[in-house]
Amino acid sequence: MSLLGGAALAPLSSLPVYADPADGCSVPVGRDDGWPVATVTEDKLIDRQALCAMADRIAATSDGNIHSVLVVRGGKLQFERYFRGHDEVPGRFYGSRVEDVTFNADTLHNLKSVSKSVASLAVGIAIDRGLIRSINEPIFSFFPELSDLRSPEKDRIQLVHALTMSMGLAWVEATPATGDDNDEVRMHLAPDACRYVLGLAATTAPGEAFFYNTGALTLISAIVRKATGHPLDEFARTELLEPLGITHFEWNRFKGDSDAGGGLRLRPRDMAKIGQLVLAGGRWNGRQIVPKAWIESSTQSKLKATDHQSYGYLWWLGRAQFNGRAIQWIGALGRGGQSIRVVPELDLVVVVTGGYYQDYSPRAFQAQYGVFKDVLQGISPPA
């Protein structure tokens, strides 16, 4: 999970997290944000006591660093809990800084590579509008100004290969272990980020193997800008976020282009809207925002990514144990413990945010995935 995006900061020290007041573990409060909330006894399959006990354990763990947990089932917000911990927030002048934050429903959270999956939805909308002809468009057709970088190997790269992390280009992802010696840093320092990415050496044939490359999102962000006439964040605002009732967000830019690889900040309730949109086949409140065909195609397995997960168009796909059997989930996953997981079989969306930004040990992934598993244990199988 060290693959999941964002520039490195100094390691974060552990900080105790604190729960909301005891009565905060009840049904979420209705707000003017489009979310219907469930009553205490409305969903008989939800074990609210188990979810509250899970949240209390998180609050009592000194190094948990989980910032929020939200559960949506049946299209209604069933559970939400916020905690306290370290977060990466925008710097006063440039970059990011680490702050101690007491989270609540209004707090924007750094999503890291969850941003990639949101960018996928924007691409699907652009294709549906006819602004991008096809995922099979050669990548250099969007960058005629970079034709000097073309080669027989690179001419085979298509947009679909950027969407599936299979461009076949050499790339060193940013991690604390790489320090400044990585391609993300070099890309952002380069005068032309897209030239930097497409100038890298070809190592395998496009589409042959999954190889995580945040530089692919630099190309996708530029492609959306070129195709729509607007930076990705502006296009997503009008065509995706505002139709979802998401009016408060931040999306960083580098040299005029949105940081599609990891620059988005959303409130957890709005993260849950992204999950519900995918669960509902691209619909929200009766409106088709993203084409159903794109949702279906982008969340189908295209390549094996890890031993236990595969990859669609910027969406992760995995399995979890539920009631003694395996069930499928669709995920937007980001460094530090950020996740939106969609479980169609259970009509379920689970959002987790966290602060493990510089922890690349298995513990960081296990913490947020452990929350997801705890939520599953708090849900009874449907009849």
Protein backbone atom coordinates (compact mmCIF):
# COMPACT_ATOMS: atom_id res chain seq x y z
CA MET A 1 0.00 0.00 0.00
CA SER A 2 3.06 2.27 -0.23
CA LEU A 3 1.82 2.95 -3.74
CA LEU A 4 -0.98 5.28 -2.84
CA GLY A 5 0.19 8.73 -3.73
CA GLY A 6 1.29 12.08 -2.36
CA ALA A 7 4.59 13.81 -1.66
CA ALA A 8 6.46 12.77 1.47
CA LEU A 9 6.70 14.76 4.69
CA ALA A 10 8.61 14.03 7.87
CA PRO A 11 7.39 10.89 9.68
CA LEU A 12 4.35 11.43 11.89
CA SER A 13 4.62 10.59 15.56
CA SER A 14 1.74 8.80 17.22
CA LEU A 15 -0.90 10.88 18.96
CA PRO A 16 -3.77 9.65 21.09
CA VAL A 17 -7.16 9.87 19.44
CA TYR A 18 -10.26 10.86 21.34
CA ALA A 19 -13.84 9.90 20.71
CA ASP A 20 -16.78 12.21 20.38
CA PRO A 21 -18.98 12.46 23.48
CA ALA A 22 -20.78 9.25 24.44
CA ASP A 23 -23.98 10.34 22.74
CA GLY A 24 -22.03 10.80 19.50
CA CYS A 25 -22.42 7.08 18.82
CA SER A 26 -26.05 7.35 17.82
CA VAL A 27 -27.71 7.81 14.45
CA PRO A 28 -25.97 10.52 12.38
CA VAL A 29 -27.52 13.95 12.58
CA GLY A 30 -29.46 15.11 9.54
CA ARG A 31 -27.77 18.01 7.77
CA ASP A 32 -28.55 20.01 4.67
CA ASP A 33 -26.14 17.98 2.56
CA GLY A 34 -28.40 15.55 0.70
CA TRP A 35 -27.81 12.58 2.99
CA PRO A 36 -30.88 10.82 4.40
CA VAL A 37 -30.07 9.40 7.83
CA ALA A 38 -31.42 6.18 9.27
CA THR A 39 -33.35 5.87 12.52
CA VAL A 40 -31.94 3.77 15.33
CA THR A 41 -33.99 0.67 14.53
CA GLU A 42 -34.62 1.20 10.82
CA ASP A 43 -31.98 -1.20 9.45
CA LYS A 44 -32.36 -4.51 11.26
CA LEU A 45 -29.13 -5.82 9.70
CA ILE A 46 -26.98 -3.13 11.35
CA ASP A 47 -25.62 -4.02 14.80
CA ARG A 48 -25.23 -0.47 16.08
CA GLN A 49 -23.89 -1.66 19.40
CA ALA A 50 -21.06 -3.49 17.62
CA LEU A 51 -20.22 -0.40 15.54
CA CYS A 52 -20.19 1.78 18.65
CA ALA A 53 -17.91 -0.70 20.40
CA MET A 54 -15.58 -0.61 17.40
CA ALA A 55 -15.45 3.18 17.56
CA ASP A 56 -14.76 3.09 21.29
CA ARG A 57 -11.83 0.74 20.67
CA ILE A 58 -10.43 3.12 18.07
CA ALA A 59 -10.76 6.01 20.50
CA ALA A 60 -8.99 4.05 23.24
CA THR A 61 -6.02 3.04 21.06
CA SER A 62 -3.13 5.45 21.53
CA ASP A 63 -1.57 4.83 18.12
CA GLY A 64 -4.69 4.10 16.08
CA ASN A 65 -4.62 7.38 14.18
CA ILE A 66 -7.98 6.69 12.55
CA HIS A 67 -9.75 9.99 11.89
CA SER A 68 -13.27 8.98 10.86
CA VAL A 69 -15.51 6.00 10.12
CA LEU A 70 -18.76 6.29 8.16
CA VAL A 71 -21.18 3.54 7.15
CA VAL A 72 -23.88 3.84 4.48
CA ARG A 73 -26.37 1.06 3.80
CA GLY A 74 -29.52 1.10 1.76
CA GLY A 75 -28.70 4.60 0.54
CA LYS A 76 -28.85 6.06 4.05
CA LEU A 77 -26.11 7.24 6.37
CA GLN A 78 -26.23 4.70 9.19
CA PHE A 79 -23.18 5.52 11.30
CA GLU A 80 -20.46 8.14 11.56
CA ARG A 81 -17.80 8.81 14.15
CA TYR A 82 -14.94 11.29 14.20
CA PHE A 83 -11.73 11.28 16.23
CA ARG A 84 -8.60 13.36 16.70
CA GLY A 85 -5.14 12.96 15.21
CA HIS A 86 -2.38 14.29 12.99
CA ASP A 87 -3.33 15.40 9.51
CA GLU A 88 -1.55 16.88 6.51
CA VAL A 89 -3.16 20.25 5.75
CA PRO A 90 -2.26 22.85 3.11
CA GLY A 91 0.65 25.08 4.07
CA ARG A 92 0.08 28.77 4.57
CA PHE A 93 2.10 29.58 1.51
CA TYR A 94 3.09 26.32 -0.24
CA GLY A 95 3.02 22.55 0.22
CA SER A 96 1.65 20.86 3.33
CA ARG A 97 2.22 20.88 7.04
CA VAL A 98 1.28 18.49 9.84
CA GLU A 99 -1.30 19.64 12.39
CA ASP A 100 -3.20 18.15 15.29
CA VAL A 101 -6.85 18.17 14.21
CA THR A 102 -10.09 17.37 16.03
CA PHE A 103 -12.20 16.07 13.16
CA ASN A 104 -15.90 16.59 12.60
CA ALA A 105 -18.38 16.41 9.74
CA ASP A 106 -17.17 19.74 8.32
CA THR A 107 -13.44 18.94 8.27
CA LEU A 108 -11.86 18.52 4.85
CA HIS A 109 -9.53 15.53 4.78
CA ASN A 110 -6.50 14.81 2.64
CA LEU A 111 -7.55 11.93 0.39
CA LYS A 112 -4.19 11.20 -1.25
CA SER A 113 -4.74 8.59 -3.99
CA VAL A 114 -8.47 8.35 -3.47
CA SER A 115 -8.19 11.37 -5.80
CA LYS A 116 -7.26 8.99 -8.62
CA SER A 117 -10.61 7.21 -8.48
CA VAL A 118 -12.47 10.53 -8.51
CA ALA A 119 -10.45 11.46 -11.61
CA SER A 120 -11.65 8.22 -13.21
CA LEU A 121 -15.25 9.35 -12.80
CA ALA A 122 -14.42 12.67 -14.49
CA VAL A 123 -12.84 10.83 -17.43
CA GLY A 124 -15.99 8.74 -17.81
CA ILE A 125 -18.11 11.89 -17.96
CA ALA A 126 -15.79 13.47 -20.55
CA ILE A 127 -16.03 10.36 -22.74
CA ASP A 128 -19.82 10.35 -22.42
CA ARG A 129 -19.91 14.02 -23.49
CA GLY A 130 -17.88 13.15 -26.58
CA LEU A 131 -15.00 15.34 -25.37
CA ILE A 132 -12.67 12.34 -25.29
CA ARG A 133 -13.34 9.89 -28.11
CA SER A 134 -12.23 6.66 -26.54
CA ILE A 135 -10.04 5.04 -23.91
CA ASN A 136 -8.19 3.51 -26.86
CA GLU A 137 -6.90 6.86 -28.10
CA PRO A 138 -3.09 6.84 -28.44
CA ILE A 139 -1.60 8.86 -25.62
CA PHE A 140 0.47 10.97 -28.02
CA SER A 141 -2.69 12.06 -29.84
CA PHE A 142 -3.33 14.28 -26.83
CA PHE A 143 0.24 15.63 -26.80
CA PRO A 144 1.28 16.54 -30.36
CA GLU A 145 3.77 19.00 -28.87
CA LEU A 146 5.69 16.03 -27.44
CA SER A 147 5.98 14.09 -30.71
CA ASP A 148 9.78 14.19 -30.43
CA LEU A 149 9.44 11.66 -27.58
CA ARG A 150 7.65 9.11 -29.71
CA SER A 151 9.09 5.67 -30.36
CA PRO A 152 7.60 2.42 -31.71
CA GLU A 153 7.21 1.19 -28.12
CA LYS A 154 5.66 4.39 -26.77
CA ASP A 155 3.33 4.80 -29.73
CA ARG A 156 1.45 1.76 -28.38
CA ILE A 157 0.54 3.58 -25.14
CA GLN A 158 -3.17 4.45 -25.00
CA LEU A 159 -5.31 6.31 -22.51
CA VAL A 160 -6.53 2.96 -21.20
CA HIS A 161 -2.98 2.11 -20.14
CA ALA A 162 -2.79 5.26 -18.02
CA LEU A 163 -6.14 4.34 -16.45
CA THR A 164 -4.94 0.83 -15.60
CA MET A 165 -1.39 1.70 -14.48
CA SER A 166 0.08 -0.35 -17.29
CA MET A 167 1.92 2.16 -19.49
CA GLY A 168 5.13 0.16 -19.28
CA LEU A 169 7.32 3.15 -18.40
CA ALA A 170 10.09 3.18 -15.80
CA TRP A 171 8.91 4.90 -12.62
CA VAL A 172 10.08 5.21 -9.01
CA GLU A 173 7.12 6.11 -6.78
CA ALA A 174 7.66 8.54 -3.90
CA THR A 175 8.10 6.87 -0.51
CA PRO A 176 10.02 7.89 2.61
CA ALA A 177 12.64 5.33 1.58
CA THR A 178 13.26 7.08 -1.74
CA GLY A 179 13.47 10.54 -0.17
CA ASP A 180 13.82 13.08 -2.96
CA ASP A 181 15.28 10.45 -5.28
CA ASN A 182 12.01 9.50 -6.98
CA ASP A 183 10.13 10.32 -10.14
CA GLU A 184 7.29 12.17 -8.43
CA VAL A 185 9.70 14.78 -7.09
CA ARG A 186 11.58 14.99 -10.38
CA MET A 187 8.28 15.29 -12.30
CA HIS A 188 7.09 18.21 -10.18
CA LEU A 189 10.44 19.97 -10.53
CA ALA A 190 10.53 19.51 -14.30
CA PRO A 191 9.52 22.48 -16.49
CA ASP A 192 6.99 20.22 -18.27
CA ALA A 193 5.60 17.39 -16.13
CA CYS A 194 3.99 15.55 -19.05
CA ARG A 195 7.23 15.69 -21.03
CA TYR A 196 9.00 14.24 -18.03
CA VAL A 197 6.59 11.29 -17.73
CA LEU A 198 6.49 10.45 -21.43
CA GLY A 199 10.25 10.86 -21.65
CA LEU A 200 10.86 7.94 -19.29
CA ALA A 201 12.26 4.71 -20.68
CA ALA A 202 9.88 2.02 -21.90
CA THR A 203 10.43 -1.15 -19.88
CA THR A 204 7.51 -3.41 -20.88
CA ALA A 205 4.84 -3.43 -23.55
CA PRO A 206 1.80 -1.28 -22.65
CA GLY A 207 -0.99 -3.25 -21.04
CA GLU A 208 1.27 -6.16 -20.17
CA ALA A 209 1.71 -5.61 -16.43
CA PHE A 210 0.42 -3.46 -13.57
CA PHE A 211 3.04 -0.99 -12.38
CA TYR A 212 1.84 1.82 -10.12
CA ASN A 213 2.75 5.19 -11.59
CA THR A 214 1.34 8.46 -10.22
CA GLY A 215 2.78 10.12 -13.32
CA ALA A 216 -0.07 8.52 -15.27
CA LEU A 217 -2.44 10.87 -13.44
CA THR A 218 -0.41 13.88 -14.53
CA LEU A 219 -1.14 12.81 -18.11
CA ILE A 220 -4.82 12.16 -17.33
CA SER A 221 -5.21 15.57 -15.70
CA ALA A 222 -3.69 17.28 -18.74
CA ILE A 223 -5.85 15.19 -21.11
CA VAL A 224 -9.04 16.28 -19.31
CA ARG A 225 -7.91 19.92 -19.49
CA LYS A 226 -7.09 19.67 -23.17
CA ALA A 227 -10.33 17.83 -23.98
CA THR A 228 -12.73 19.95 -21.93
CA GLY A 229 -11.03 23.34 -21.93
CA HIS A 230 -11.02 23.36 -18.11
CA PRO A 231 -8.61 22.06 -15.47
CA LEU A 232 -9.72 18.74 -14.01
CA ASP A 233 -10.84 20.28 -10.72
CA GLU A 234 -13.10 22.78 -12.50
CA PHE A 235 -14.57 20.14 -14.81
CA ALA A 236 -15.15 17.81 -11.85
CA ARG A 237 -16.75 20.62 -9.86
CA THR A 238 -19.42 21.40 -12.45
CA GLU A 239 -20.02 17.90 -13.84
CA LEU A 240 -19.50 15.65 -10.81
CA LEU A 241 -19.13 17.31 -7.42
CA GLU A 242 -21.80 20.00 -7.55
CA PRO A 243 -24.41 17.54 -8.93
CA LEU A 244 -23.62 15.46 -5.85
CA GLY A 245 -24.20 18.48 -3.63
CA ILE A 246 -20.47 18.75 -2.87
CA THR A 247 -19.76 22.47 -2.68
CA HIS A 248 -16.82 22.58 -0.26
CA PHE A 249 -13.61 20.93 -1.44
CA GLU A 250 -10.00 21.69 -2.35
CA TRP A 251 -7.99 20.24 -5.22
CA ASN A 252 -4.37 21.31 -5.51
CA ARG A 253 -2.78 22.26 -8.80
CA PHE A 254 0.77 22.00 -10.07
CA LYS A 255 1.68 24.52 -12.76
CA GLY A 256 -1.94 24.97 -13.79
CA ASP A 257 -3.03 21.33 -13.81
CA SER A 258 -4.98 19.62 -11.03
CA ASP A 259 -3.03 17.11 -8.95
CA ALA A 260 -5.12 14.12 -10.01
CA GLY A 261 -2.70 11.74 -8.31
CA GLY A 262 -3.37 12.90 -4.78
CA GLY A 263 -4.38 16.53 -4.34
CA LEU A 264 -8.08 16.34 -3.42
CA ARG A 265 -9.51 17.23 0.00
CA LEU A 266 -13.11 16.28 0.80
CA ARG A 267 -15.30 15.88 3.85
CA PRO A 268 -15.89 12.20 4.75
CA ARG A 269 -19.65 12.57 4.13
CA ASP A 270 -18.80 13.68 0.61
CA MET A 271 -16.41 10.74 0.21
CA ALA A 272 -19.39 8.56 1.06
CA LYS A 273 -21.36 10.24 -1.74
CA ILE A 274 -18.68 9.13 -4.20
CA GLY A 275 -19.08 5.58 -2.92
CA GLN A 276 -22.85 5.69 -3.08
CA LEU A 277 -22.68 7.08 -6.63
CA VAL A 278 -20.62 4.05 -7.69
CA LEU A 279 -22.90 1.67 -5.80
CA ALA A 280 -25.93 3.14 -7.60
CA GLY A 281 -24.41 2.82 -11.06
CA GLY A 282 -23.59 6.51 -11.40
CA ARG A 283 -26.90 7.88 -10.07
CA TRP A 284 -27.51 10.26 -7.18
CA ASN A 285 -30.96 11.42 -6.09
CA GLY A 286 -32.50 10.15 -9.33
CA ARG A 287 -29.99 11.89 -11.60
CA GLN A 288 -27.52 9.99 -13.80
CA ILE A 289 -24.25 11.84 -13.15
CA VAL A 290 -21.74 9.28 -14.43
CA PRO A 291 -22.72 6.84 -17.20
CA LYS A 292 -23.70 3.45 -15.84
CA ALA A 293 -21.58 1.77 -18.52
CA TRP A 294 -18.50 3.64 -17.29
CA ILE A 295 -19.14 2.65 -13.67
CA GLU A 296 -19.51 -0.99 -14.68
CA SER A 297 -16.45 -1.03 -16.93
CA SER A 298 -14.15 0.97 -14.67
CA THR A 299 -14.90 -1.23 -11.65
CA GLN A 300 -14.27 -4.52 -13.43
CA SER A 301 -10.90 -6.21 -13.05
CA LYS A 302 -8.47 -5.39 -15.87
CA LEU A 303 -5.15 -6.47 -14.37
CA LYS A 304 -3.88 -8.30 -11.33
CA ALA A 305 -2.29 -5.64 -9.11
CA THR A 306 -1.18 -7.49 -5.96
CA ASP A 307 -1.52 -11.00 -4.57
CA HIS A 308 -4.98 -10.17 -3.26
CA GLN A 309 -6.22 -7.26 -5.36
CA SER A 310 -6.84 -6.36 -8.98
CA TYR A 311 -7.27 -3.02 -10.74
CA GLY A 312 -9.87 -1.44 -12.98
CA TYR A 313 -9.78 2.11 -14.32
CA LEU A 314 -8.15 3.72 -11.26
CA TRP A 315 -10.27 1.59 -8.89
CA TRP A 316 -9.00 -1.23 -6.69
CA LEU A 317 -10.92 -4.50 -6.48
CA GLY A 318 -10.65 -7.04 -3.69
CA ARG A 319 -12.36 -9.63 -1.53
CA ALA A 320 -13.23 -9.83 2.14
CA GLN A 321 -14.60 -12.59 4.32
CA PHE A 322 -18.22 -12.18 5.35
CA ASN A 323 -20.27 -14.81 7.13
CA GLY A 324 -17.78 -17.50 6.15
CA ARG A 325 -17.57 -16.66 2.46
CA ALA A 326 -15.80 -14.22 0.18
CA ILE A 327 -17.55 -11.06 -0.97
CA GLN A 328 -16.30 -8.52 -3.51
CA TRP A 329 -15.49 -4.88 -2.77
CA ILE A 330 -14.62 -1.90 -4.98
CA GLY A 331 -12.19 0.56 -3.48
CA ALA A 332 -10.72 4.03 -3.78
CA LEU A 333 -7.60 3.77 -1.63
CA GLY A 334 -5.10 6.42 -0.57
CA ARG A 335 -1.92 6.66 1.43
CA GLY A 336 -2.30 7.13 5.14
CA GLY A 337 -5.46 5.07 5.60
CA GLN A 338 -7.92 6.82 3.29
CA SER A 339 -10.51 4.53 1.76
CA ILE A 340 -13.94 4.37 0.18
CA ARG A 341 -15.08 0.76 -0.10
CA VAL A 342 -18.23 -0.26 -1.91
CA VAL A 343 -19.78 -3.70 -1.32
CA PRO A 344 -22.60 -4.13 -3.86
CA GLU A 345 -23.77 -7.45 -2.42
CA LEU A 346 -24.51 -5.76 0.94
CA ASP A 347 -25.70 -2.42 -0.48
CA LEU A 348 -22.89 -0.97 1.61
CA VAL A 349 -20.38 1.90 1.52
CA VAL A 350 -17.66 2.25 4.17
CA VAL A 351 -15.46 5.34 4.47
CA VAL A 352 -12.33 5.46 6.62
CA THR A 353 -9.84 8.31 6.95
CA GLY A 354 -6.57 8.20 8.82
CA GLY A 355 -3.18 9.75 9.42
CA TYR A 356 -0.64 7.04 8.59
CA TYR A 357 0.79 9.15 5.77
CA GLN A 358 4.43 8.16 6.25
CA ASP A 359 3.92 4.69 7.72
CA TYR A 360 4.67 2.17 4.97
CA SER A 361 4.60 -0.86 7.24
CA PRO A 362 1.78 -3.41 6.98
CA ARG A 363 0.29 -1.82 10.12
CA ALA A 364 -0.91 1.24 8.21
CA PHE A 365 -2.93 -0.82 5.75
CA GLN A 366 -4.08 -3.25 8.40
CA ALA A 367 -5.45 -0.42 10.56
CA GLN A 368 -7.91 0.97 8.02
CA TYR A 369 -8.68 -2.45 6.52
CA GLY A 370 -9.28 -3.71 10.06
CA VAL A 371 -11.93 -1.03 10.50
CA PHE A 372 -13.61 -2.22 7.31
CA LYS A 373 -13.60 -5.80 8.57
CA ASP A 374 -15.03 -4.67 11.91
CA VAL A 375 -17.86 -2.94 10.06
CA LEU A 376 -18.60 -6.16 8.18
CA GLN A 377 -18.80 -8.00 11.47
CA GLY A 378 -21.42 -5.48 12.59
CA ILE A 379 -23.71 -6.33 9.68
CA SER A 380 -25.94 -9.37 9.54
CA PRO A 381 -26.24 -11.22 6.21
CA PRO A 382 -29.38 -10.32 4.28
CA ALA A 383 -32.03 -13.02 4.01
